[in-house]
Amino acid sequence: MLQVYLVRHGETLWNAARRIQGQSDSALTAKGEQQASQVAERVKSLGITHVIASDLGRTRRTAEIIADACGCSVTLDARLRELNMGVLEQRPIDELSAEEESWRKTLVDGTEGGRIPQGESMAEMAARMHAALNACLDLPAGSRPLLVSHGMALGVLVSTILGLSPSAERRLRLRNCSISRVDHQQSSWLASGWIVETAGDISHLDAPALDELQR
């Protein structure tokens, strides 16, 4: 059975400022660096053999901290990038017009085929995220990979493994530097293929403040 750990990057300046990132980039905050160190401490004893990350800066930095603790190098995979948010990238969420907010909501409210102009649909993102996950099946026997990606990207990956549509209403919150695990198995009593073992574990992090819980 192949076990794959999934980690969202640490908090960024734009996370804290409620600014849309998408495939644009923002540096980790001091707290984000601390979160990355905490998740690295949590996973360093798990026998991680490969750290594979989205090629965006915030995931690269998180992955570097984890890989250093695990004694691994970092491999970059653009398929693990966050959703392309089109014309809304870099915009403060609280400054969107009503029309722009309606575009954003189509990505989280179950609208089939929803997308922001010049952006990407949830189905398109799900396809590339599953391709990146399935590539782990080609790693040498005994491998234990860890993928570092993004909130919406990992959310749609886990949700679709559970059998939901890529465009299903978002009901899974994966906080910064949360850990999830998916396993690939052949089983006589569970469905063969990918299954979700855990999702969104933040027990290794400092307790989030009230304003974070409301984001």
N, C-alpha and C. Protein backbone atom coordinates (compact mmCIF):
# COMPACT_ATOMS: atom_id res chain seq x y z
N MET A 1 0.84 -1.20 0.00
CA MET A 1 0.00 0.00 0.00
C MET A 1 0.88 1.25 0.00
N LEU A 2 0.66 2.11 -0.95
CA LEU A 2 1.40 3.37 -1.02
C LEU A 2 0.68 4.44 -0.20
N GLN A 3 1.42 5.07 0.70
CA GLN A 3 0.90 6.17 1.50
C GLN A 3 1.48 7.48 0.97
N VAL A 4 0.62 8.46 0.70
CA VAL A 4 1.06 9.76 0.21
C VAL A 4 0.55 10.84 1.15
N TYR A 5 1.47 11.63 1.68
CA TYR A 5 1.11 12.73 2.56
C TYR A 5 0.92 14.00 1.75
N LEU A 6 -0.08 14.79 2.12
CA LEU A 6 -0.44 16.02 1.41
C LEU A 6 -0.35 17.18 2.40
N VAL A 7 0.43 18.19 2.07
CA VAL A 7 0.62 19.33 2.96
C VAL A 7 0.31 20.62 2.20
N ARG A 8 -0.50 21.47 2.80
CA ARG A 8 -0.70 22.81 2.25
C ARG A 8 0.44 23.71 2.72
N HIS A 9 0.82 24.67 1.90
CA HIS A 9 1.90 25.59 2.24
C HIS A 9 1.58 26.41 3.50
N GLY A 10 2.61 27.03 4.06
CA GLY A 10 2.43 27.90 5.22
C GLY A 10 1.74 29.20 4.87
N GLU A 11 1.31 29.91 5.90
CA GLU A 11 0.61 31.18 5.71
C GLU A 11 1.49 32.16 4.92
N THR A 12 0.84 32.90 4.00
CA THR A 12 1.54 33.90 3.20
C THR A 12 1.05 35.30 3.57
N LEU A 13 1.78 36.29 3.07
CA LEU A 13 1.36 37.68 3.28
C LEU A 13 -0.04 37.92 2.72
N TRP A 14 -0.33 37.32 1.57
CA TRP A 14 -1.64 37.53 0.96
C TRP A 14 -2.73 36.72 1.64
N ASN A 15 -2.41 35.56 2.22
CA ASN A 15 -3.39 34.87 3.06
C ASN A 15 -3.83 35.78 4.19
N ALA A 16 -2.85 36.37 4.86
CA ALA A 16 -3.15 37.22 6.01
C ALA A 16 -3.93 38.46 5.61
N ALA A 17 -3.68 38.97 4.39
CA ALA A 17 -4.35 40.19 3.91
C ALA A 17 -5.63 39.90 3.15
N ARG A 18 -6.02 38.63 3.03
CA ARG A 18 -7.22 38.24 2.28
C ARG A 18 -7.16 38.74 0.83
N ARG A 19 -6.04 38.43 0.20
CA ARG A 19 -5.83 38.78 -1.20
C ARG A 19 -5.78 37.49 -2.02
N ILE A 20 -6.41 37.49 -3.19
CA ILE A 20 -6.48 36.30 -4.02
C ILE A 20 -5.10 36.00 -4.62
N GLN A 21 -4.63 34.77 -4.42
CA GLN A 21 -3.31 34.40 -4.91
C GLN A 21 -3.37 33.65 -6.24
N GLY A 22 -4.13 32.56 -6.28
CA GLY A 22 -4.14 31.74 -7.48
C GLY A 22 -2.73 31.29 -7.82
N GLN A 23 -2.32 31.51 -9.06
CA GLN A 23 -0.98 31.13 -9.49
C GLN A 23 0.00 32.30 -9.44
N SER A 24 -0.44 33.44 -8.89
CA SER A 24 0.49 34.50 -8.54
C SER A 24 1.15 34.09 -7.22
N ASP A 25 2.12 34.89 -6.76
CA ASP A 25 2.84 34.41 -5.60
C ASP A 25 2.98 35.47 -4.53
N SER A 26 3.14 34.99 -3.31
CA SER A 26 3.32 35.83 -2.14
C SER A 26 4.20 35.07 -1.17
N ALA A 27 5.11 35.77 -0.52
CA ALA A 27 6.05 35.13 0.39
C ALA A 27 5.35 34.63 1.65
N LEU A 28 5.96 33.64 2.30
CA LEU A 28 5.48 33.20 3.60
C LEU A 28 5.68 34.30 4.63
N THR A 29 4.73 34.42 5.54
CA THR A 29 4.90 35.28 6.70
C THR A 29 5.85 34.59 7.69
N ALA A 30 6.24 35.32 8.74
CA ALA A 30 7.03 34.69 9.80
C ALA A 30 6.26 33.53 10.41
N LYS A 31 4.95 33.69 10.52
CA LYS A 31 4.12 32.59 11.04
C LYS A 31 4.12 31.42 10.08
N GLY A 32 4.07 31.71 8.76
CA GLY A 32 4.10 30.65 7.77
C GLY A 32 5.39 29.85 7.83
N GLU A 33 6.51 30.53 8.05
CA GLU A 33 7.79 29.84 8.22
C GLU A 33 7.75 28.94 9.45
N GLN A 34 7.16 29.45 10.54
CA GLN A 34 7.03 28.66 11.75
C GLN A 34 6.15 27.44 11.52
N GLN A 35 5.04 27.63 10.82
CA GLN A 35 4.15 26.51 10.52
C GLN A 35 4.88 25.44 9.72
N ALA A 36 5.68 25.87 8.74
CA ALA A 36 6.44 24.92 7.93
C ALA A 36 7.43 24.14 8.80
N SER A 37 8.05 24.82 9.74
CA SER A 37 8.97 24.14 10.66
C SER A 37 8.23 23.15 11.55
N GLN A 38 7.01 23.51 11.96
CA GLN A 38 6.23 22.61 12.81
C GLN A 38 5.78 21.37 12.05
N VAL A 39 5.36 21.54 10.80
CA VAL A 39 4.95 20.36 10.04
C VAL A 39 6.17 19.51 9.71
N ALA A 40 7.33 20.15 9.48
CA ALA A 40 8.55 19.39 9.24
C ALA A 40 8.91 18.53 10.44
N GLU A 41 8.79 19.11 11.63
CA GLU A 41 9.06 18.36 12.86
C GLU A 41 8.10 17.18 12.99
N ARG A 42 6.85 17.39 12.58
CA ARG A 42 5.84 16.33 12.68
C ARG A 42 6.15 15.16 11.74
N VAL A 43 6.62 15.43 10.53
CA VAL A 43 6.74 14.37 9.53
C VAL A 43 8.13 13.77 9.43
N LYS A 44 9.12 14.35 10.12
CA LYS A 44 10.50 13.91 9.89
C LYS A 44 10.75 12.47 10.32
N SER A 45 9.89 11.93 11.18
CA SER A 45 10.06 10.54 11.63
C SER A 45 9.19 9.56 10.85
N LEU A 46 8.53 10.03 9.79
CA LEU A 46 7.59 9.17 9.05
C LEU A 46 8.25 8.41 7.91
N GLY A 47 9.54 8.60 7.70
CA GLY A 47 10.22 7.89 6.63
C GLY A 47 9.93 8.46 5.26
N ILE A 48 9.71 9.77 5.16
CA ILE A 48 9.45 10.41 3.88
C ILE A 48 10.66 10.23 2.96
N THR A 49 10.42 9.78 1.74
CA THR A 49 11.51 9.54 0.79
C THR A 49 11.54 10.55 -0.35
N HIS A 50 10.41 11.19 -0.63
CA HIS A 50 10.33 12.15 -1.72
C HIS A 50 9.47 13.34 -1.27
N VAL A 51 9.96 14.55 -1.48
CA VAL A 51 9.17 15.75 -1.26
C VAL A 51 8.95 16.40 -2.63
N ILE A 52 7.69 16.46 -3.04
CA ILE A 52 7.32 16.94 -4.37
C ILE A 52 6.40 18.14 -4.18
N ALA A 53 6.72 19.26 -4.82
CA ALA A 53 5.99 20.50 -4.54
C ALA A 53 5.56 21.22 -5.81
N SER A 54 4.47 21.94 -5.69
CA SER A 54 4.12 22.95 -6.69
C SER A 54 5.33 23.87 -6.89
N ASP A 55 5.47 24.39 -8.11
CA ASP A 55 6.64 25.22 -8.40
C ASP A 55 6.46 26.69 -8.00
N LEU A 56 5.34 27.03 -7.36
CA LEU A 56 5.17 28.39 -6.87
C LEU A 56 6.01 28.62 -5.61
N GLY A 57 6.40 29.89 -5.38
CA GLY A 57 7.35 30.19 -4.33
C GLY A 57 6.91 29.76 -2.94
N ARG A 58 5.63 29.93 -2.62
CA ARG A 58 5.18 29.63 -1.26
C ARG A 58 5.22 28.14 -0.97
N THR A 59 4.98 27.31 -1.99
CA THR A 59 5.08 25.86 -1.80
C THR A 59 6.53 25.40 -1.83
N ARG A 60 7.34 26.03 -2.70
CA ARG A 60 8.76 25.68 -2.74
C ARG A 60 9.41 25.91 -1.38
N ARG A 61 9.14 27.07 -0.78
CA ARG A 61 9.76 27.39 0.51
C ARG A 61 9.29 26.42 1.59
N THR A 62 8.00 26.13 1.64
CA THR A 62 7.48 25.17 2.61
C THR A 62 8.14 23.81 2.41
N ALA A 63 8.25 23.40 1.14
CA ALA A 63 8.84 22.09 0.83
C ALA A 63 10.31 22.03 1.22
N GLU A 64 11.04 23.13 1.03
CA GLU A 64 12.46 23.15 1.38
C GLU A 64 12.66 22.90 2.87
N ILE A 65 11.81 23.51 3.69
CA ILE A 65 11.92 23.34 5.14
C ILE A 65 11.62 21.89 5.53
N ILE A 66 10.59 21.32 4.90
CA ILE A 66 10.23 19.93 5.18
C ILE A 66 11.32 18.98 4.70
N ALA A 67 11.80 19.20 3.49
CA ALA A 67 12.81 18.31 2.90
C ALA A 67 14.10 18.32 3.70
N ASP A 68 14.47 19.48 4.21
CA ASP A 68 15.68 19.58 5.02
C ASP A 68 15.57 18.72 6.28
N ALA A 69 14.39 18.72 6.89
CA ALA A 69 14.18 17.92 8.10
C ALA A 69 14.16 16.43 7.79
N CYS A 70 13.68 16.09 6.58
CA CYS A 70 13.53 14.68 6.20
C CYS A 70 14.76 14.13 5.49
N GLY A 71 15.74 14.98 5.20
CA GLY A 71 16.92 14.52 4.48
C GLY A 71 16.65 14.21 3.03
N CYS A 72 15.70 14.94 2.42
CA CYS A 72 15.35 14.73 1.02
C CYS A 72 15.68 15.97 0.21
N SER A 73 15.66 15.82 -1.11
CA SER A 73 15.68 16.98 -2.00
C SER A 73 14.24 17.29 -2.39
N VAL A 74 14.02 18.44 -3.02
CA VAL A 74 12.68 18.84 -3.46
C VAL A 74 12.57 18.69 -4.97
N THR A 75 11.51 18.04 -5.42
CA THR A 75 11.17 17.95 -6.84
C THR A 75 9.97 18.85 -7.09
N LEU A 76 10.03 19.67 -8.14
CA LEU A 76 8.94 20.59 -8.45
C LEU A 76 8.05 20.00 -9.53
N ASP A 77 6.75 20.19 -9.38
CA ASP A 77 5.76 19.68 -10.33
C ASP A 77 4.67 20.74 -10.49
N ALA A 78 4.63 21.37 -11.66
CA ALA A 78 3.66 22.45 -11.92
C ALA A 78 2.22 21.97 -11.86
N ARG A 79 1.99 20.67 -11.97
CA ARG A 79 0.61 20.16 -11.88
C ARG A 79 0.02 20.36 -10.49
N LEU A 80 0.87 20.60 -9.49
CA LEU A 80 0.41 20.79 -8.11
C LEU A 80 0.10 22.25 -7.79
N ARG A 81 0.12 23.12 -8.82
CA ARG A 81 -0.18 24.54 -8.59
C ARG A 81 -1.62 24.76 -8.11
N GLU A 82 -1.83 25.94 -7.52
CA GLU A 82 -3.17 26.35 -7.13
C GLU A 82 -4.02 26.62 -8.38
N LEU A 83 -5.32 26.73 -8.19
CA LEU A 83 -6.24 27.06 -9.27
C LEU A 83 -5.85 28.39 -9.89
N ASN A 84 -5.86 28.45 -11.21
CA ASN A 84 -5.66 29.72 -11.92
C ASN A 84 -6.92 30.57 -11.73
N MET A 85 -6.78 31.70 -11.06
CA MET A 85 -7.92 32.55 -10.73
C MET A 85 -8.10 33.70 -11.71
N GLY A 86 -7.44 33.62 -12.86
CA GLY A 86 -7.70 34.54 -13.95
C GLY A 86 -7.56 36.00 -13.57
N VAL A 87 -8.55 36.80 -13.98
CA VAL A 87 -8.47 38.25 -13.83
C VAL A 87 -8.57 38.70 -12.37
N LEU A 88 -8.90 37.80 -11.46
CA LEU A 88 -9.02 38.20 -10.05
C LEU A 88 -7.74 37.98 -9.25
N GLU A 89 -6.72 37.41 -9.86
CA GLU A 89 -5.48 37.19 -9.12
C GLU A 89 -4.90 38.52 -8.63
N GLN A 90 -4.40 38.49 -7.43
CA GLN A 90 -3.77 39.61 -6.73
C GLN A 90 -4.77 40.63 -6.18
N ARG A 91 -6.08 40.37 -6.35
CA ARG A 91 -7.09 41.32 -5.89
C ARG A 91 -7.49 41.04 -4.44
N PRO A 92 -7.69 42.08 -3.62
CA PRO A 92 -8.23 41.88 -2.27
C PRO A 92 -9.67 41.36 -2.36
N ILE A 93 -9.97 40.31 -1.62
CA ILE A 93 -11.31 39.71 -1.66
C ILE A 93 -12.37 40.74 -1.27
N ASP A 94 -12.07 41.57 -0.29
CA ASP A 94 -13.06 42.52 0.21
C ASP A 94 -13.31 43.68 -0.73
N GLU A 95 -12.57 43.78 -1.83
CA GLU A 95 -12.75 44.88 -2.78
C GLU A 95 -13.35 44.43 -4.10
N LEU A 96 -13.80 43.18 -4.17
CA LEU A 96 -14.40 42.69 -5.41
C LEU A 96 -15.77 43.32 -5.62
N SER A 97 -16.10 43.59 -6.88
CA SER A 97 -17.45 44.04 -7.21
C SER A 97 -18.41 42.87 -7.05
N ALA A 98 -19.71 43.15 -7.10
CA ALA A 98 -20.71 42.08 -6.98
C ALA A 98 -20.54 41.07 -8.11
N GLU A 99 -20.26 41.55 -9.32
CA GLU A 99 -20.08 40.63 -10.44
C GLU A 99 -18.83 39.78 -10.25
N GLU A 100 -17.75 40.40 -9.81
CA GLU A 100 -16.51 39.65 -9.59
C GLU A 100 -16.67 38.62 -8.48
N GLU A 101 -17.38 38.97 -7.42
CA GLU A 101 -17.62 38.02 -6.35
C GLU A 101 -18.47 36.85 -6.84
N SER A 102 -19.40 37.12 -7.76
CA SER A 102 -20.21 36.03 -8.32
C SER A 102 -19.34 35.07 -9.12
N TRP A 103 -18.33 35.59 -9.83
CA TRP A 103 -17.40 34.71 -10.54
C TRP A 103 -16.66 33.82 -9.54
N ARG A 104 -16.16 34.43 -8.47
CA ARG A 104 -15.41 33.68 -7.47
C ARG A 104 -16.27 32.60 -6.83
N LYS A 105 -17.52 32.93 -6.56
CA LYS A 105 -18.39 31.97 -5.88
C LYS A 105 -18.73 30.77 -6.75
N THR A 106 -18.67 30.92 -8.07
CA THR A 106 -18.95 29.75 -8.92
C THR A 106 -17.92 28.64 -8.70
N LEU A 107 -16.78 28.98 -8.12
CA LEU A 107 -15.75 27.97 -7.88
C LEU A 107 -15.99 27.18 -6.61
N VAL A 108 -16.86 27.65 -5.74
CA VAL A 108 -17.04 27.00 -4.44
C VAL A 108 -18.49 26.62 -4.13
N ASP A 109 -19.43 27.03 -4.98
CA ASP A 109 -20.84 26.80 -4.63
C ASP A 109 -21.50 25.69 -5.44
N GLY A 110 -20.70 24.91 -6.18
CA GLY A 110 -21.26 23.79 -6.93
C GLY A 110 -21.69 24.12 -8.34
N THR A 111 -21.37 25.30 -8.85
CA THR A 111 -21.72 25.65 -10.22
C THR A 111 -20.93 24.79 -11.20
N GLU A 112 -21.61 24.02 -12.02
CA GLU A 112 -20.96 23.15 -12.99
C GLU A 112 -20.21 24.01 -14.01
N GLY A 113 -18.92 23.73 -14.17
CA GLY A 113 -18.12 24.46 -15.15
C GLY A 113 -17.78 25.88 -14.76
N GLY A 114 -18.01 26.26 -13.50
CA GLY A 114 -17.72 27.62 -13.07
C GLY A 114 -16.24 27.97 -13.24
N ARG A 115 -15.99 29.20 -13.62
CA ARG A 115 -14.61 29.67 -13.73
C ARG A 115 -14.60 31.19 -13.75
N ILE A 116 -13.48 31.76 -13.37
CA ILE A 116 -13.25 33.20 -13.46
C ILE A 116 -12.72 33.48 -14.87
N PRO A 117 -13.11 34.60 -15.49
CA PRO A 117 -12.57 34.91 -16.81
C PRO A 117 -11.05 34.79 -16.84
N GLN A 118 -10.54 34.12 -17.87
CA GLN A 118 -9.12 33.86 -18.08
C GLN A 118 -8.54 32.88 -17.06
N GLY A 119 -9.43 32.23 -16.30
CA GLY A 119 -8.98 31.30 -15.28
C GLY A 119 -9.26 29.86 -15.67
N GLU A 120 -9.28 29.00 -14.66
CA GLU A 120 -9.33 27.56 -14.81
C GLU A 120 -10.56 27.02 -14.09
N SER A 121 -11.13 25.94 -14.60
CA SER A 121 -12.25 25.32 -13.91
C SER A 121 -11.75 24.33 -12.86
N MET A 122 -12.62 23.98 -11.93
CA MET A 122 -12.26 23.00 -10.92
C MET A 122 -11.97 21.64 -11.55
N ALA A 123 -12.70 21.30 -12.62
CA ALA A 123 -12.47 20.01 -13.29
C ALA A 123 -11.09 19.97 -13.92
N GLU A 124 -10.66 21.07 -14.51
CA GLU A 124 -9.32 21.12 -15.11
C GLU A 124 -8.25 20.97 -14.04
N MET A 125 -8.46 21.64 -12.91
CA MET A 125 -7.49 21.51 -11.83
C MET A 125 -7.48 20.09 -11.28
N ALA A 126 -8.65 19.49 -11.10
CA ALA A 126 -8.73 18.13 -10.57
C ALA A 126 -7.97 17.16 -11.46
N ALA A 127 -8.07 17.33 -12.78
CA ALA A 127 -7.40 16.42 -13.71
C ALA A 127 -5.88 16.46 -13.52
N ARG A 128 -5.33 17.67 -13.40
CA ARG A 128 -3.87 17.74 -13.26
C ARG A 128 -3.42 17.31 -11.87
N MET A 129 -4.24 17.57 -10.84
CA MET A 129 -3.87 17.12 -9.49
C MET A 129 -3.86 15.60 -9.41
N HIS A 130 -4.85 14.94 -10.02
CA HIS A 130 -4.87 13.48 -10.03
C HIS A 130 -3.70 12.92 -10.83
N ALA A 131 -3.32 13.61 -11.91
CA ALA A 131 -2.16 13.15 -12.68
C ALA A 131 -0.90 13.21 -11.84
N ALA A 132 -0.74 14.29 -11.05
CA ALA A 132 0.42 14.41 -10.18
C ALA A 132 0.41 13.33 -9.10
N LEU A 133 -0.76 13.06 -8.52
CA LEU A 133 -0.87 12.02 -7.50
C LEU A 133 -0.57 10.65 -8.09
N ASN A 134 -1.15 10.35 -9.25
CA ASN A 134 -0.94 9.04 -9.87
C ASN A 134 0.51 8.81 -10.27
N ALA A 135 1.25 9.90 -10.51
CA ALA A 135 2.67 9.75 -10.84
C ALA A 135 3.45 9.14 -9.68
N CYS A 136 2.91 9.26 -8.47
CA CYS A 136 3.57 8.66 -7.31
C CYS A 136 3.59 7.13 -7.41
N LEU A 137 2.67 6.57 -8.18
CA LEU A 137 2.63 5.12 -8.34
C LEU A 137 3.84 4.60 -9.10
N ASP A 138 4.54 5.49 -9.80
CA ASP A 138 5.72 5.09 -10.56
C ASP A 138 7.01 5.20 -9.75
N LEU A 139 6.92 5.66 -8.51
CA LEU A 139 8.10 5.75 -7.66
C LEU A 139 8.56 4.35 -7.24
N PRO A 140 9.81 4.19 -6.86
CA PRO A 140 10.30 2.86 -6.47
C PRO A 140 9.49 2.27 -5.31
N ALA A 141 9.43 0.96 -5.28
CA ALA A 141 8.73 0.27 -4.20
C ALA A 141 9.30 0.70 -2.85
N GLY A 142 8.42 0.89 -1.90
CA GLY A 142 8.84 1.32 -0.57
C GLY A 142 8.91 2.82 -0.39
N SER A 143 8.58 3.58 -1.44
CA SER A 143 8.63 5.04 -1.35
C SER A 143 7.50 5.54 -0.46
N ARG A 144 7.75 6.68 0.17
CA ARG A 144 6.73 7.36 0.96
C ARG A 144 6.80 8.85 0.62
N PRO A 145 6.05 9.28 -0.39
CA PRO A 145 6.14 10.67 -0.86
C PRO A 145 5.27 11.62 -0.05
N LEU A 146 5.70 12.88 -0.08
CA LEU A 146 4.93 13.97 0.52
C LEU A 146 4.78 15.06 -0.54
N LEU A 147 3.54 15.46 -0.81
CA LEU A 147 3.25 16.48 -1.81
C LEU A 147 2.90 17.79 -1.11
N VAL A 148 3.51 18.89 -1.54
CA VAL A 148 3.21 20.21 -0.98
C VAL A 148 2.47 21.00 -2.05
N SER A 149 1.24 21.38 -1.72
CA SER A 149 0.40 22.07 -2.71
C SER A 149 -0.38 23.18 -2.02
N HIS A 150 -1.62 23.41 -2.47
CA HIS A 150 -2.39 24.60 -2.12
C HIS A 150 -3.78 24.21 -1.62
N GLY A 151 -4.46 25.17 -1.01
CA GLY A 151 -5.74 24.89 -0.36
C GLY A 151 -6.82 24.36 -1.28
N MET A 152 -7.12 25.12 -2.35
CA MET A 152 -8.17 24.67 -3.26
C MET A 152 -7.73 23.43 -4.03
N ALA A 153 -6.46 23.39 -4.41
CA ALA A 153 -5.96 22.25 -5.18
C ALA A 153 -6.06 20.95 -4.39
N LEU A 154 -5.61 20.99 -3.15
CA LEU A 154 -5.69 19.79 -2.31
C LEU A 154 -7.14 19.48 -1.93
N GLY A 155 -7.94 20.52 -1.73
CA GLY A 155 -9.34 20.30 -1.40
C GLY A 155 -10.08 19.55 -2.49
N VAL A 156 -9.85 19.95 -3.73
CA VAL A 156 -10.54 19.27 -4.83
C VAL A 156 -9.98 17.87 -5.03
N LEU A 157 -8.69 17.68 -4.77
CA LEU A 157 -8.12 16.33 -4.89
C LEU A 157 -8.75 15.38 -3.88
N VAL A 158 -8.78 15.79 -2.62
CA VAL A 158 -9.35 14.92 -1.59
C VAL A 158 -10.84 14.70 -1.83
N SER A 159 -11.55 15.76 -2.20
CA SER A 159 -13.00 15.64 -2.42
C SER A 159 -13.32 14.69 -3.56
N THR A 160 -12.56 14.75 -4.64
CA THR A 160 -12.84 13.86 -5.77
C THR A 160 -12.43 12.42 -5.47
N ILE A 161 -11.42 12.21 -4.65
CA ILE A 161 -11.12 10.85 -4.20
C ILE A 161 -12.29 10.28 -3.43
N LEU A 162 -12.98 11.14 -2.68
CA LEU A 162 -14.16 10.70 -1.92
C LEU A 162 -15.39 10.50 -2.80
N GLY A 163 -15.28 10.81 -4.08
CA GLY A 163 -16.37 10.56 -5.02
C GLY A 163 -17.21 11.76 -5.37
N LEU A 164 -16.84 12.95 -4.87
CA LEU A 164 -17.59 14.16 -5.22
C LEU A 164 -17.16 14.68 -6.58
N SER A 165 -18.04 15.43 -7.20
CA SER A 165 -17.72 16.09 -8.45
C SER A 165 -16.67 17.17 -8.20
N PRO A 166 -15.77 17.44 -9.18
CA PRO A 166 -14.82 18.54 -9.00
C PRO A 166 -15.49 19.87 -8.70
N SER A 167 -16.69 20.06 -9.23
CA SER A 167 -17.40 21.32 -9.02
C SER A 167 -18.36 21.28 -7.84
N ALA A 168 -18.31 20.20 -7.04
CA ALA A 168 -19.21 20.10 -5.88
C ALA A 168 -18.97 21.26 -4.93
N GLU A 169 -20.02 21.64 -4.22
CA GLU A 169 -19.90 22.71 -3.24
C GLU A 169 -18.76 22.39 -2.26
N ARG A 170 -17.89 23.39 -2.03
CA ARG A 170 -16.72 23.16 -1.17
C ARG A 170 -17.14 22.98 0.28
N ARG A 171 -16.83 21.81 0.84
CA ARG A 171 -17.16 21.50 2.23
C ARG A 171 -15.95 21.03 3.02
N LEU A 172 -14.76 21.20 2.46
CA LEU A 172 -13.55 20.73 3.11
C LEU A 172 -12.57 21.89 3.24
N ARG A 173 -12.20 22.23 4.48
CA ARG A 173 -11.24 23.30 4.72
C ARG A 173 -9.91 22.70 5.12
N LEU A 174 -8.88 23.03 4.38
CA LEU A 174 -7.53 22.57 4.67
C LEU A 174 -6.69 23.80 5.02
N ARG A 175 -6.37 23.96 6.29
CA ARG A 175 -5.67 25.16 6.74
C ARG A 175 -4.19 25.09 6.37
N ASN A 176 -3.53 26.24 6.48
CA ASN A 176 -2.11 26.31 6.16
C ASN A 176 -1.32 25.29 6.96
N CYS A 177 -0.49 24.52 6.26
CA CYS A 177 0.37 23.49 6.83
C CYS A 177 -0.40 22.37 7.51
N SER A 178 -1.66 22.17 7.11
CA SER A 178 -2.37 20.97 7.54
C SER A 178 -1.80 19.76 6.80
N ILE A 179 -1.99 18.59 7.40
CA ILE A 179 -1.54 17.33 6.81
C ILE A 179 -2.74 16.46 6.50
N SER A 180 -2.77 15.92 5.29
CA SER A 180 -3.74 14.90 4.92
C SER A 180 -2.95 13.68 4.44
N ARG A 181 -3.61 12.55 4.39
CA ARG A 181 -2.94 11.35 3.85
C ARG A 181 -3.92 10.56 3.01
N VAL A 182 -3.46 10.16 1.82
CA VAL A 182 -4.25 9.28 0.97
C VAL A 182 -3.42 8.03 0.69
N ASP A 183 -4.10 6.89 0.63
CA ASP A 183 -3.43 5.61 0.42
C ASP A 183 -3.93 4.97 -0.87
N HIS A 184 -3.03 4.31 -1.56
CA HIS A 184 -3.42 3.52 -2.73
C HIS A 184 -3.30 2.05 -2.36
N GLN A 185 -4.39 1.33 -2.50
CA GLN A 185 -4.38 -0.05 -2.04
C GLN A 185 -5.23 -0.95 -2.92
N GLN A 186 -4.91 -2.21 -2.84
CA GLN A 186 -5.76 -3.26 -3.39
C GLN A 186 -6.39 -3.97 -2.19
N SER A 187 -7.72 -4.02 -2.14
CA SER A 187 -8.37 -4.52 -0.93
C SER A 187 -9.59 -5.34 -1.29
N SER A 188 -9.87 -6.31 -0.45
CA SER A 188 -11.08 -7.12 -0.64
C SER A 188 -12.26 -6.57 0.13
N TRP A 189 -12.00 -5.62 1.03
CA TRP A 189 -13.10 -5.10 1.85
C TRP A 189 -13.30 -3.60 1.71
N LEU A 190 -12.38 -2.90 1.04
CA LEU A 190 -12.56 -1.51 0.66
C LEU A 190 -12.34 -1.39 -0.83
N ALA A 191 -12.86 -0.33 -1.41
CA ALA A 191 -12.64 -0.11 -2.84
C ALA A 191 -11.15 -0.01 -3.12
N SER A 192 -10.70 -0.67 -4.18
CA SER A 192 -9.32 -0.56 -4.58
C SER A 192 -9.06 0.82 -5.16
N GLY A 193 -7.81 1.26 -5.10
CA GLY A 193 -7.44 2.58 -5.60
C GLY A 193 -7.15 3.52 -4.45
N TRP A 194 -7.35 4.82 -4.68
CA TRP A 194 -7.03 5.83 -3.68
C TRP A 194 -8.15 5.93 -2.64
N ILE A 195 -7.77 5.98 -1.38
CA ILE A 195 -8.72 6.23 -0.30
C ILE A 195 -8.13 7.32 0.60
N VAL A 196 -9.01 8.02 1.30
CA VAL A 196 -8.58 9.08 2.21
C VAL A 196 -8.45 8.51 3.61
N GLU A 197 -7.24 8.60 4.16
CA GLU A 197 -7.00 8.14 5.52
C GLU A 197 -7.26 9.26 6.53
N THR A 198 -6.70 10.45 6.28
CA THR A 198 -6.93 11.60 7.14
C THR A 198 -6.98 12.85 6.28
N ALA A 199 -7.61 13.91 6.79
CA ALA A 199 -7.70 15.17 6.04
C ALA A 199 -7.65 16.35 7.00
N GLY A 200 -6.75 17.29 6.72
CA GLY A 200 -6.76 18.57 7.42
C GLY A 200 -6.25 18.54 8.84
N ASP A 201 -5.37 17.62 9.19
CA ASP A 201 -4.85 17.53 10.55
C ASP A 201 -3.94 18.73 10.86
N ILE A 202 -4.25 19.48 11.90
CA ILE A 202 -3.41 20.60 12.33
C ILE A 202 -2.99 20.45 13.78
N SER A 203 -2.98 19.24 14.30
CA SER A 203 -2.66 19.03 15.72
C SER A 203 -1.21 19.40 16.04
N HIS A 204 -0.36 19.49 15.03
CA HIS A 204 1.04 19.83 15.22
C HIS A 204 1.27 21.34 15.25
N LEU A 205 0.24 22.12 14.94
CA LEU A 205 0.37 23.58 14.86
C LEU A 205 -0.13 24.25 16.13
N ASP A 206 0.32 25.48 16.34
CA ASP A 206 -0.23 26.28 17.42
C ASP A 206 -1.72 26.49 17.18
N ALA A 207 -2.50 26.59 18.25
CA ALA A 207 -3.94 26.80 18.11
C ALA A 207 -4.21 28.06 17.31
N PRO A 208 -5.08 27.99 16.27
CA PRO A 208 -5.36 29.19 15.47
C PRO A 208 -6.15 30.22 16.26
N ALA A 209 -5.89 31.49 15.96
CA ALA A 209 -6.63 32.57 16.59
C ALA A 209 -8.05 32.64 16.01
N LEU A 210 -8.94 33.35 16.70
CA LEU A 210 -10.33 33.43 16.28
C LEU A 210 -10.46 34.01 14.88
N ASP A 211 -9.67 35.03 14.53
CA ASP A 211 -9.80 35.63 13.21
C ASP A 211 -9.39 34.65 12.12
N GLU A 212 -8.46 33.74 12.41
CA GLU A 212 -8.08 32.72 11.44
C GLU A 212 -9.22 31.73 11.23
N LEU A 213 -9.89 31.36 12.31
CA LEU A 213 -10.99 30.41 12.21
C LEU A 213 -12.11 30.95 11.35
N GLN A 214 -12.23 32.26 11.27
CA GLN A 214 -13.32 32.88 10.51
C GLN A 214 -12.97 33.09 9.03
N ARG A 215 -11.73 32.83 8.64
CA ARG A 215 -11.34 33.02 7.24
C ARG A 215 -11.94 31.95 6.35
